[in-house]
């Protein structure tokens, strides 16, 4: 469980850092997630 938590923390950190840099130019108000079975039923 400790190893899983470490990987999750590293995963969160890598994505958040990338999106922070990526969004400096893109200027999105929100970047959402889409996954089968979630609340987002349709996305263009």
ModelCIF file with pLDDT and N, C-alpha, C, O atoms, coordinates in Angstrom:
data_MODEL
#
_entry.id   MODEL 
#
_entity.id                         1 
_entity.type                       polymer 
_entity.pdbx_number_of_molecules   1 
#
_entity_poly.entity_id                      1 
_entity_poly.type                           'polypeptide(L)' 
_entity_poly.nstd_linkage                   no 
_entity_poly.nstd_monomer                   no 
_entity_poly.pdbx_seq_one_letter_code       
;(UNK)(UNK)(UNK)(UNK)(UNK)(UNK)(UNK)(UNK)(UNK)(UNK)(UNK)(UNK)(UNK)(UNK)(UNK)(UNK)
(UNK)(UNK)(UNK)(UNK)(UNK)(UNK)(UNK)(UNK)(UNK)(UNK)(UNK)(UNK)(UNK)(UNK)(UNK)(UNK)
(UNK)(UNK)(UNK)(UNK)(UNK)(UNK)(UNK)(UNK)(UNK)(UNK)(UNK)(UNK)
;
_entity_poly.pdbx_seq_one_letter_code_can   XXXXXXXXXXXXXXXXXXXXXXXXXXXXXXXXXXXXXXXXXXXX 
_entity_poly.pdbx_strand_id                 A 
#
loop_
_entity_poly_seq.entity_id 
_entity_poly_seq.num 
_entity_poly_seq.mon_id 
_entity_poly_seq.hetero 
1 1  UNK n 
1 2  UNK n 
1 3  UNK n 
1 4  UNK n 
1 5  UNK n 
1 6  UNK n 
1 7  UNK n 
1 8  UNK n 
1 9  UNK n 
1 10 UNK n 
1 11 UNK n 
1 12 UNK n 
1 13 UNK n 
1 14 UNK n 
1 15 UNK n 
1 16 UNK n 
1 17 UNK n 
1 18 UNK n 
1 19 UNK n 
1 20 UNK n 
1 21 UNK n 
1 22 UNK n 
1 23 UNK n 
1 24 UNK n 
1 25 UNK n 
1 26 UNK n 
1 27 UNK n 
1 28 UNK n 
1 29 UNK n 
1 30 UNK n 
1 31 UNK n 
1 32 UNK n 
1 33 UNK n 
1 34 UNK n 
1 35 UNK n 
1 36 UNK n 
1 37 UNK n 
1 38 UNK n 
1 39 UNK n 
1 40 UNK n 
1 41 UNK n 
1 42 UNK n 
1 43 UNK n 
1 44 UNK n 
#
_struct_asym.id          A 
_struct_asym.entity_id   1 
#
loop_
_ma_qa_metric.id 
_ma_qa_metric.mode 
_ma_qa_metric.name 
_ma_qa_metric.software_group_id 
_ma_qa_metric.type 
1 global pLDDT . pLDDT 
2 local  pLDDT . pLDDT 
#
_ma_qa_metric_global.metric_id      1 
_ma_qa_metric_global.metric_value   86.05 
_ma_qa_metric_global.model_id       1 
_ma_qa_metric_global.ordinal_id     1 
#
loop_
_ma_qa_metric_local.label_asym_id 
_ma_qa_metric_local.label_comp_id 
_ma_qa_metric_local.label_seq_id 
_ma_qa_metric_local.metric_id 
_ma_qa_metric_local.metric_value 
_ma_qa_metric_local.model_id 
_ma_qa_metric_local.ordinal_id 
A UNK 1  2 90.00 1 1  
A UNK 2  2 92.00 1 2  
A UNK 3  2 90.00 1 3  
A UNK 4  2 89.00 1 4  
A UNK 5  2 89.00 1 5  
A UNK 6  2 89.00 1 6  
A UNK 7  2 87.00 1 7  
A UNK 8  2 85.00 1 8  
A UNK 9  2 88.00 1 9  
A UNK 10 2 88.00 1 10 
A UNK 11 2 87.00 1 11 
A UNK 12 2 86.00 1 12 
A UNK 13 2 89.00 1 13 
A UNK 14 2 90.00 1 14 
A UNK 15 2 89.00 1 15 
A UNK 16 2 88.00 1 16 
A UNK 17 2 90.00 1 17 
A UNK 18 2 92.00 1 18 
A UNK 19 2 91.00 1 19 
A UNK 20 2 90.00 1 20 
A UNK 21 2 91.00 1 21 
A UNK 22 2 92.00 1 22 
A UNK 23 2 91.00 1 23 
A UNK 24 2 90.00 1 24 
A UNK 25 2 88.00 1 25 
A UNK 26 2 88.00 1 26 
A UNK 27 2 87.00 1 27 
A UNK 28 2 90.00 1 28 
A UNK 29 2 89.00 1 29 
A UNK 30 2 88.00 1 30 
A UNK 31 2 89.00 1 31 
A UNK 32 2 87.00 1 32 
A UNK 33 2 85.00 1 33 
A UNK 34 2 85.00 1 34 
A UNK 35 2 80.00 1 35 
A UNK 36 2 72.00 1 36 
A UNK 37 2 66.00 1 37 
A UNK 38 2 72.00 1 38 
A UNK 39 2 73.00 1 39 
A UNK 40 2 76.00 1 40 
A UNK 41 2 76.00 1 41 
A UNK 42 2 82.00 1 42 
A UNK 43 2 83.00 1 43 
A UNK 44 2 87.00 1 44 
#
loop_
_atom_site.group_PDB 
_atom_site.id 
_atom_site.type_symbol 
_atom_site.label_atom_id 
_atom_site.label_alt_id 
_atom_site.label_comp_id 
_atom_site.label_asym_id 
_atom_site.label_entity_id 
_atom_site.label_seq_id 
_atom_site.pdbx_PDB_ins_code 
_atom_site.Cartn_x 
_atom_site.Cartn_y 
_atom_site.Cartn_z 
_atom_site.occupancy 
_atom_site.B_iso_or_equiv 
_atom_site.pdbx_formal_charge 
_atom_site.auth_seq_id 
_atom_site.auth_comp_id 
_atom_site.auth_asym_id 
_atom_site.auth_atom_id 
_atom_site.pdbx_PDB_model_num 
ATOM 1   N N  . UNK A 1 1  ? 0.824   -1.206 0.000   1.00 90.00 ? 1  UNK A N  1 
ATOM 2   C CA . UNK A 1 1  ? 0.000   0.000  0.000   1.00 90.00 ? 1  UNK A CA 1 
ATOM 3   C C  . UNK A 1 1  ? 0.858   1.256  0.000   1.00 90.00 ? 1  UNK A C  1 
ATOM 4   O O  . UNK A 1 1  ? 0.523   2.248  -0.648  1.00 90.00 ? 1  UNK A O  1 
ATOM 5   N N  . UNK A 1 2  ? 1.969   1.209  0.732   1.00 92.00 ? 2  UNK A N  1 
ATOM 6   C CA . UNK A 1 2  ? 2.884   2.345  0.767   1.00 92.00 ? 2  UNK A CA 1 
ATOM 7   C C  . UNK A 1 2  ? 3.513   2.577  -0.603  1.00 92.00 ? 2  UNK A C  1 
ATOM 8   O O  . UNK A 1 2  ? 3.644   3.717  -1.048  1.00 92.00 ? 2  UNK A O  1 
ATOM 9   N N  . UNK A 1 3  ? 3.902   1.490  -1.270  1.00 90.00 ? 3  UNK A N  1 
ATOM 10  C CA . UNK A 1 3  ? 4.478   1.605  -2.612  1.00 90.00 ? 3  UNK A CA 1 
ATOM 11  C C  . UNK A 1 3  ? 3.452   2.155  -3.595  1.00 90.00 ? 3  UNK A C  1 
ATOM 12  O O  . UNK A 1 3  ? 3.780   2.984  -4.443  1.00 90.00 ? 3  UNK A O  1 
ATOM 13  N N  . UNK A 1 4  ? 2.209   1.691  -3.481  1.00 89.00 ? 4  UNK A N  1 
ATOM 14  C CA . UNK A 1 4  ? 1.141   2.190  -4.348  1.00 89.00 ? 4  UNK A CA 1 
ATOM 15  C C  . UNK A 1 4  ? 0.930   3.682  -4.143  1.00 89.00 ? 4  UNK A C  1 
ATOM 16  O O  . UNK A 1 4  ? 0.764   4.432  -5.105  1.00 89.00 ? 4  UNK A O  1 
ATOM 17  N N  . UNK A 1 5  ? 0.938   4.109  -2.886  1.00 89.00 ? 5  UNK A N  1 
ATOM 18  C CA . UNK A 1 5  ? 0.756   5.529  -2.575  1.00 89.00 ? 5  UNK A CA 1 
ATOM 19  C C  . UNK A 1 5  ? 1.883   6.374  -3.155  1.00 89.00 ? 5  UNK A C  1 
ATOM 20  O O  . UNK A 1 5  ? 1.648   7.485  -3.630  1.00 89.00 ? 5  UNK A O  1 
ATOM 21  N N  . UNK A 1 6  ? 3.109   5.848  -3.116  1.00 89.00 ? 6  UNK A N  1 
ATOM 22  C CA . UNK A 1 6  ? 4.246   6.585  -3.668  1.00 89.00 ? 6  UNK A CA 1 
ATOM 23  C C  . UNK A 1 6  ? 4.104   6.757  -5.177  1.00 89.00 ? 6  UNK A C  1 
ATOM 24  O O  . UNK A 1 6  ? 4.371   7.832  -5.715  1.00 89.00 ? 6  UNK A O  1 
ATOM 25  N N  . UNK A 1 7  ? 3.683   5.692  -5.853  1.00 87.00 ? 7  UNK A N  1 
ATOM 26  C CA . UNK A 1 7  ? 3.485   5.768  -7.292  1.00 87.00 ? 7  UNK A CA 1 
ATOM 27  C C  . UNK A 1 7  ? 2.365   6.753  -7.626  1.00 87.00 ? 7  UNK A C  1 
ATOM 28  O O  . UNK A 1 7  ? 2.477   7.535  -8.570  1.00 87.00 ? 7  UNK A O  1 
ATOM 29  N N  . UNK A 1 8  ? 1.292   6.709  -6.846  1.00 85.00 ? 8  UNK A N  1 
ATOM 30  C CA . UNK A 1 8  ? 0.173   7.620  -7.088  1.00 85.00 ? 8  UNK A CA 1 
ATOM 31  C C  . UNK A 1 8  ? 0.610   9.068  -6.918  1.00 85.00 ? 8  UNK A C  1 
ATOM 32  O O  . UNK A 1 8  ? 0.237   9.941  -7.702  1.00 85.00 ? 8  UNK A O  1 
ATOM 33  N N  . UNK A 1 9  ? 1.403   9.307  -5.889  1.00 88.00 ? 9  UNK A N  1 
ATOM 34  C CA . UNK A 1 9  ? 1.895   10.664 -5.642  1.00 88.00 ? 9  UNK A CA 1 
ATOM 35  C C  . UNK A 1 9  ? 2.764   11.141 -6.796  1.00 88.00 ? 9  UNK A C  1 
ATOM 36  O O  . UNK A 1 9  ? 2.651   12.286 -7.234  1.00 88.00 ? 9  UNK A O  1 
ATOM 37  N N  . UNK A 1 10 ? 3.636   10.255 -7.290  1.00 88.00 ? 10 UNK A N  1 
ATOM 38  C CA . UNK A 1 10 ? 4.495   10.612 -8.413  1.00 88.00 ? 10 UNK A CA 1 
ATOM 39  C C  . UNK A 1 10 ? 3.667   10.841 -9.679  1.00 88.00 ? 10 UNK A C  1 
ATOM 40  O O  . UNK A 1 10 ? 3.973   11.728 -10.476 1.00 88.00 ? 10 UNK A O  1 
ATOM 41  N N  . UNK A 1 11 ? 2.618   10.038 -9.858  1.00 87.00 ? 11 UNK A N  1 
ATOM 42  C CA . UNK A 1 11 ? 1.741   10.186 -11.017 1.00 87.00 ? 11 UNK A CA 1 
ATOM 43  C C  . UNK A 1 11 ? 1.008   11.524 -10.976 1.00 87.00 ? 11 UNK A C  1 
ATOM 44  O O  . UNK A 1 11 ? 0.964   12.250 -11.969 1.00 87.00 ? 11 UNK A O  1 
ATOM 45  N N  . UNK A 1 12 ? 0.436   11.837 -9.823  1.00 86.00 ? 12 UNK A N  1 
ATOM 46  C CA . UNK A 1 12 ? -0.257  13.108 -9.661  1.00 86.00 ? 12 UNK A CA 1 
ATOM 47  C C  . UNK A 1 12 ? 0.688   14.283 -9.930  1.00 86.00 ? 12 UNK A C  1 
ATOM 48  O O  . UNK A 1 12 ? 0.334   15.244 -10.613 1.00 86.00 ? 12 UNK A O  1 
ATOM 49  N N  . UNK A 1 13 ? 1.882   14.179 -9.379  1.00 89.00 ? 13 UNK A N  1 
ATOM 50  C CA . UNK A 1 13 ? 2.857   15.258 -9.528  1.00 89.00 ? 13 UNK A CA 1 
ATOM 51  C C  . UNK A 1 13 ? 3.239   15.462 -10.991 1.00 89.00 ? 13 UNK A C  1 
ATOM 52  O O  . UNK A 1 13 ? 3.307   16.597 -11.462 1.00 89.00 ? 13 UNK A O  1 
ATOM 53  N N  . UNK A 1 14 ? 3.486   14.374 -11.707 1.00 90.00 ? 14 UNK A N  1 
ATOM 54  C CA . UNK A 1 14 ? 3.907   14.495 -13.105 1.00 90.00 ? 14 UNK A CA 1 
ATOM 55  C C  . UNK A 1 14 ? 2.819   15.101 -13.978 1.00 90.00 ? 14 UNK A C  1 
ATOM 56  O O  . UNK A 1 14 ? 3.101   15.931 -14.843 1.00 90.00 ? 14 UNK A O  1 
ATOM 57  N N  . UNK A 1 15 ? 1.566   14.687 -13.751 1.00 89.00 ? 15 UNK A N  1 
ATOM 58  C CA . UNK A 1 15 ? 0.463   15.207 -14.561 1.00 89.00 ? 15 UNK A CA 1 
ATOM 59  C C  . UNK A 1 15 ? 0.168   16.661 -14.230 1.00 89.00 ? 15 UNK A C  1 
ATOM 60  O O  . UNK A 1 15 ? -0.037  17.477 -15.129 1.00 89.00 ? 15 UNK A O  1 
ATOM 61  N N  . UNK A 1 16 ? 0.146   16.985 -12.955 1.00 88.00 ? 16 UNK A N  1 
ATOM 62  C CA . UNK A 1 16 ? -0.154  18.353 -12.557 1.00 88.00 ? 16 UNK A CA 1 
ATOM 63  C C  . UNK A 1 16 ? 0.918   19.329 -13.034 1.00 88.00 ? 16 UNK A C  1 
ATOM 64  O O  . UNK A 1 16 ? 0.602   20.439 -13.463 1.00 88.00 ? 16 UNK A O  1 
ATOM 65  N N  . UNK A 1 17 ? 2.185   18.918 -12.961 1.00 90.00 ? 17 UNK A N  1 
ATOM 66  C CA . UNK A 1 17 ? 3.256   19.780 -13.440 1.00 90.00 ? 17 UNK A CA 1 
ATOM 67  C C  . UNK A 1 17 ? 3.179   19.965 -14.955 1.00 90.00 ? 17 UNK A C  1 
ATOM 68  O O  . UNK A 1 17 ? 3.385   21.065 -15.470 1.00 90.00 ? 17 UNK A O  1 
ATOM 69  N N  . UNK A 1 18 ? 2.880   18.878 -15.655 1.00 92.00 ? 18 UNK A N  1 
ATOM 70  C CA . UNK A 1 18 ? 2.784   18.998 -17.112 1.00 92.00 ? 18 UNK A CA 1 
ATOM 71  C C  . UNK A 1 18 ? 1.627   19.900 -17.513 1.00 92.00 ? 18 UNK A C  1 
ATOM 72  O O  . UNK A 1 18 ? 1.783   20.772 -18.367 1.00 92.00 ? 18 UNK A O  1 
ATOM 73  N N  . UNK A 1 19 ? 0.464   19.693 -16.899 1.00 91.00 ? 19 UNK A N  1 
ATOM 74  C CA . UNK A 1 19 ? -0.705  20.489 -17.271 1.00 91.00 ? 19 UNK A CA 1 
ATOM 75  C C  . UNK A 1 19 ? -0.530  21.972 -16.914 1.00 91.00 ? 19 UNK A C  1 
ATOM 76  O O  . UNK A 1 19 ? -1.020  22.851 -17.622 1.00 91.00 ? 19 UNK A O  1 
ATOM 77  N N  . UNK A 1 20 ? 0.166   22.230 -15.821 1.00 90.00 ? 20 UNK A N  1 
ATOM 78  C CA . UNK A 1 20 ? 0.409   23.624 -15.439 1.00 90.00 ? 20 UNK A CA 1 
ATOM 79  C C  . UNK A 1 20 ? 1.231   24.329 -16.521 1.00 90.00 ? 20 UNK A C  1 
ATOM 80  O O  . UNK A 1 20 ? 0.967   25.481 -16.866 1.00 90.00 ? 20 UNK A O  1 
ATOM 81  N N  . UNK A 1 21 ? 2.231   23.617 -17.049 1.00 91.00 ? 21 UNK A N  1 
ATOM 82  C CA . UNK A 1 21 ? 3.056   24.185 -18.119 1.00 91.00 ? 21 UNK A CA 1 
ATOM 83  C C  . UNK A 1 21 ? 2.293   24.225 -19.440 1.00 91.00 ? 21 UNK A C  1 
ATOM 84  O O  . UNK A 1 21 ? 2.334   25.222 -20.161 1.00 91.00 ? 21 UNK A O  1 
ATOM 85  N N  . UNK A 1 22 ? 1.608   23.150 -19.744 1.00 92.00 ? 22 UNK A N  1 
ATOM 86  C CA . UNK A 1 22 ? 0.844   23.038 -20.998 1.00 92.00 ? 22 UNK A CA 1 
ATOM 87  C C  . UNK A 1 22 ? -0.216  24.125 -21.109 1.00 92.00 ? 22 UNK A C  1 
ATOM 88  O O  . UNK A 1 22 ? -0.439  24.681 -22.184 1.00 92.00 ? 22 UNK A O  1 
ATOM 89  N N  . UNK A 1 23 ? -0.863  24.420 -19.996 1.00 91.00 ? 23 UNK A N  1 
ATOM 90  C CA . UNK A 1 23 ? -1.998  25.343 -20.020 1.00 91.00 ? 23 UNK A CA 1 
ATOM 91  C C  . UNK A 1 23 ? -1.595  26.820 -20.007 1.00 91.00 ? 23 UNK A C  1 
ATOM 92  O O  . UNK A 1 23 ? -2.453  27.694 -20.131 1.00 91.00 ? 23 UNK A O  1 
ATOM 93  N N  . UNK A 1 24 ? -0.307  27.103 -19.859 1.00 90.00 ? 24 UNK A N  1 
ATOM 94  C CA . UNK A 1 24 ? 0.146   28.490 -19.923 1.00 90.00 ? 24 UNK A CA 1 
ATOM 95  C C  . UNK A 1 24 ? -0.150  29.095 -21.294 1.00 90.00 ? 24 UNK A C  1 
ATOM 96  O O  . UNK A 1 24 ? -0.484  30.274 -21.412 1.00 90.00 ? 24 UNK A O  1 
ATOM 97  N N  . UNK A 1 25 ? -0.018  28.258 -22.330 1.00 88.00 ? 25 UNK A N  1 
ATOM 98  C CA . UNK A 1 25 ? -0.291  28.726 -23.692 1.00 88.00 ? 25 UNK A CA 1 
ATOM 99  C C  . UNK A 1 25 ? -1.728  28.457 -24.104 1.00 88.00 ? 25 UNK A C  1 
ATOM 100 O O  . UNK A 1 25 ? -2.327  29.243 -24.838 1.00 88.00 ? 25 UNK A O  1 
ATOM 101 N N  . UNK A 1 26 ? -2.276  27.358 -23.637 1.00 88.00 ? 26 UNK A N  1 
ATOM 102 C CA . UNK A 1 26 ? -3.609  26.956 -24.102 1.00 88.00 ? 26 UNK A CA 1 
ATOM 103 C C  . UNK A 1 26 ? -4.730  27.786 -23.481 1.00 88.00 ? 26 UNK A C  1 
ATOM 104 O O  . UNK A 1 26 ? -5.767  27.998 -24.110 1.00 88.00 ? 26 UNK A O  1 
ATOM 105 N N  . UNK A 1 27 ? -4.530  28.252 -22.263 1.00 87.00 ? 27 UNK A N  1 
ATOM 106 C CA . UNK A 1 27 ? -5.502  29.120 -21.595 1.00 87.00 ? 27 UNK A CA 1 
ATOM 107 C C  . UNK A 1 27 ? -6.870  28.476 -21.368 1.00 87.00 ? 27 UNK A C  1 
ATOM 108 O O  . UNK A 1 27 ? -7.896  29.149 -21.471 1.00 87.00 ? 27 UNK A O  1 
ATOM 109 N N  . UNK A 1 28 ? -6.890  27.172 -21.058 1.00 90.00 ? 28 UNK A N  1 
ATOM 110 C CA . UNK A 1 28 ? -8.169  26.519 -20.764 1.00 90.00 ? 28 UNK A CA 1 
ATOM 111 C C  . UNK A 1 28 ? -8.652  26.914 -19.371 1.00 90.00 ? 28 UNK A C  1 
ATOM 112 O O  . UNK A 1 28 ? -7.859  27.033 -18.437 1.00 90.00 ? 28 UNK A O  1 
ATOM 113 N N  . UNK A 1 29 ? -9.950  27.112 -19.248 1.00 89.00 ? 29 UNK A N  1 
ATOM 114 C CA . UNK A 1 29 ? -10.532 27.368 -17.932 1.00 89.00 ? 29 UNK A CA 1 
ATOM 115 C C  . UNK A 1 29 ? -10.589 26.076 -17.128 1.00 89.00 ? 29 UNK A C  1 
ATOM 116 O O  . UNK A 1 29 ? -10.332 26.071 -15.924 1.00 89.00 ? 29 UNK A O  1 
ATOM 117 N N  . UNK A 1 30 ? -10.930 24.966 -17.812 1.00 88.00 ? 30 UNK A N  1 
ATOM 118 C CA . UNK A 1 30 ? -10.979 23.662 -17.164 1.00 88.00 ? 30 UNK A CA 1 
ATOM 119 C C  . UNK A 1 30 ? -10.454 22.599 -18.121 1.00 88.00 ? 30 UNK A C  1 
ATOM 120 O O  . UNK A 1 30 ? -10.683 22.654 -19.329 1.00 88.00 ? 30 UNK A O  1 
ATOM 121 N N  . UNK A 1 31 ? -9.754  21.644 -17.555 1.00 89.00 ? 31 UNK A N  1 
ATOM 122 C CA . UNK A 1 31 ? -9.377  20.435 -18.288 1.00 89.00 ? 31 UNK A CA 1 
ATOM 123 C C  . UNK A 1 31 ? -10.010 19.285 -17.523 1.00 89.00 ? 31 UNK A C  1 
ATOM 124 O O  . UNK A 1 31 ? -9.624  18.985 -16.393 1.00 89.00 ? 31 UNK A O  1 
ATOM 125 N N  . UNK A 1 32 ? -10.974 18.653 -18.147 1.00 87.00 ? 32 UNK A N  1 
ATOM 126 C CA . UNK A 1 32 ? -11.761 17.613 -17.485 1.00 87.00 ? 32 UNK A CA 1 
ATOM 127 C C  . UNK A 1 32 ? -11.268 16.222 -17.854 1.00 87.00 ? 32 UNK A C  1 
ATOM 128 O O  . UNK A 1 32 ? -10.463 16.051 -18.769 1.00 87.00 ? 32 UNK A O  1 
ATOM 129 N N  . UNK A 1 33 ? -11.766 15.242 -17.128 1.00 85.00 ? 33 UNK A N  1 
ATOM 130 C CA . UNK A 1 33 ? -11.459 13.851 -17.437 1.00 85.00 ? 33 UNK A CA 1 
ATOM 131 C C  . UNK A 1 33 ? -12.676 13.170 -18.046 1.00 85.00 ? 33 UNK A C  1 
ATOM 132 O O  . UNK A 1 33 ? -13.817 13.483 -17.704 1.00 85.00 ? 33 UNK A O  1 
ATOM 133 N N  . UNK A 1 34 ? -12.419 12.250 -18.939 1.00 85.00 ? 34 UNK A N  1 
ATOM 134 C CA . UNK A 1 34 ? -13.502 11.487 -19.566 1.00 85.00 ? 34 UNK A CA 1 
ATOM 135 C C  . UNK A 1 34 ? -13.153 10.011 -19.466 1.00 85.00 ? 34 UNK A C  1 
ATOM 136 O O  . UNK A 1 34 ? -12.077 9.576  -19.877 1.00 85.00 ? 34 UNK A O  1 
ATOM 137 N N  . UNK A 1 35 ? -14.090 9.255  -18.910 1.00 80.00 ? 35 UNK A N  1 
ATOM 138 C CA . UNK A 1 35 ? -13.895 7.822  -18.718 1.00 80.00 ? 35 UNK A CA 1 
ATOM 139 C C  . UNK A 1 35 ? -15.233 7.122  -18.856 1.00 80.00 ? 35 UNK A C  1 
ATOM 140 O O  . UNK A 1 35 ? -16.266 7.652  -18.449 1.00 80.00 ? 35 UNK A O  1 
ATOM 141 N N  . UNK A 1 36 ? -15.210 5.937  -19.427 1.00 72.00 ? 36 UNK A N  1 
ATOM 142 C CA . UNK A 1 36 ? -16.443 5.178  -19.606 1.00 72.00 ? 36 UNK A CA 1 
ATOM 143 C C  . UNK A 1 36 ? -17.117 4.960  -18.256 1.00 72.00 ? 36 UNK A C  1 
ATOM 144 O O  . UNK A 1 36 ? -16.502 4.470  -17.309 1.00 72.00 ? 36 UNK A O  1 
ATOM 145 N N  . UNK A 1 37 ? -18.397 5.336  -18.186 1.00 66.00 ? 37 UNK A N  1 
ATOM 146 C CA . UNK A 1 37 ? -19.148 5.131  -16.959 1.00 66.00 ? 37 UNK A CA 1 
ATOM 147 C C  . UNK A 1 37 ? -19.166 6.324  -16.035 1.00 66.00 ? 37 UNK A C  1 
ATOM 148 O O  . UNK A 1 37 ? -19.800 6.276  -14.982 1.00 66.00 ? 37 UNK A O  1 
ATOM 149 N N  . UNK A 1 38 ? -18.474 7.416  -16.407 1.00 72.00 ? 38 UNK A N  1 
ATOM 150 C CA . UNK A 1 38 ? -18.491 8.584  -15.536 1.00 72.00 ? 38 UNK A CA 1 
ATOM 151 C C  . UNK A 1 38 ? -19.665 9.501  -15.881 1.00 72.00 ? 38 UNK A C  1 
ATOM 152 O O  . UNK A 1 38 ? -20.540 9.120  -16.659 1.00 72.00 ? 38 UNK A O  1 
ATOM 153 N N  . UNK A 1 39 ? -19.687 10.687 -15.318 1.00 73.00 ? 39 UNK A N  1 
ATOM 154 C CA . UNK A 1 39 ? -20.815 11.599 -15.514 1.00 73.00 ? 39 UNK A CA 1 
ATOM 155 C C  . UNK A 1 39 ? -20.782 12.344 -16.841 1.00 73.00 ? 39 UNK A C  1 
ATOM 156 O O  . UNK A 1 39 ? -21.773 12.957 -17.239 1.00 73.00 ? 39 UNK A O  1 
ATOM 157 N N  . UNK A 1 40 ? -19.651 12.291 -17.522 1.00 76.00 ? 40 UNK A N  1 
ATOM 158 C CA . UNK A 1 40 ? -19.534 12.973 -18.799 1.00 76.00 ? 40 UNK A CA 1 
ATOM 159 C C  . UNK A 1 40 ? -20.000 12.011 -19.897 1.00 76.00 ? 40 UNK A C  1 
ATOM 160 O O  . UNK A 1 40 ? -19.234 11.162 -20.352 1.00 76.00 ? 40 UNK A O  1 
ATOM 161 N N  . UNK A 1 41 ? -21.248 12.149 -20.312 1.00 76.00 ? 41 UNK A N  1 
ATOM 162 C CA . UNK A 1 41 ? -21.848 11.204 -21.251 1.00 76.00 ? 41 UNK A CA 1 
ATOM 163 C C  . UNK A 1 41 ? -21.476 11.491 -22.694 1.00 76.00 ? 41 UNK A C  1 
ATOM 164 O O  . UNK A 1 41 ? -21.457 10.579 -23.520 1.00 76.00 ? 41 UNK A O  1 
ATOM 165 N N  . UNK A 1 42 ? -21.181 12.746 -23.011 1.00 82.00 ? 42 UNK A N  1 
ATOM 166 C CA . UNK A 1 42 ? -20.819 13.094 -24.383 1.00 82.00 ? 42 UNK A CA 1 
ATOM 167 C C  . UNK A 1 42 ? -19.831 14.252 -24.375 1.00 82.00 ? 42 UNK A C  1 
ATOM 168 O O  . UNK A 1 42 ? -19.941 15.169 -23.561 1.00 82.00 ? 42 UNK A O  1 
ATOM 169 N N  . UNK A 1 43 ? -18.870 14.201 -25.286 1.00 83.00 ? 43 UNK A N  1 
ATOM 170 C CA . UNK A 1 43 ? -17.899 15.291 -25.436 1.00 83.00 ? 43 UNK A CA 1 
ATOM 171 C C  . UNK A 1 43 ? -17.496 15.371 -26.901 1.00 83.00 ? 43 UNK A C  1 
ATOM 172 O O  . UNK A 1 43 ? -17.176 14.358 -27.523 1.00 83.00 ? 43 UNK A O  1 
ATOM 173 N N  . UNK A 1 44 ? -17.514 16.581 -27.445 1.00 87.00 ? 44 UNK A N  1 
ATOM 174 C CA . UNK A 1 44 ? -17.107 16.812 -28.826 1.00 87.00 ? 44 UNK A CA 1 
ATOM 175 C C  . UNK A 1 44 ? -15.606 16.549 -28.965 1.00 87.00 ? 44 UNK A C  1 
ATOM 176 O O  . UNK A 1 44 ? -15.054 16.687 -30.056 1.00 87.00 ? 44 UNK A O  1 
#
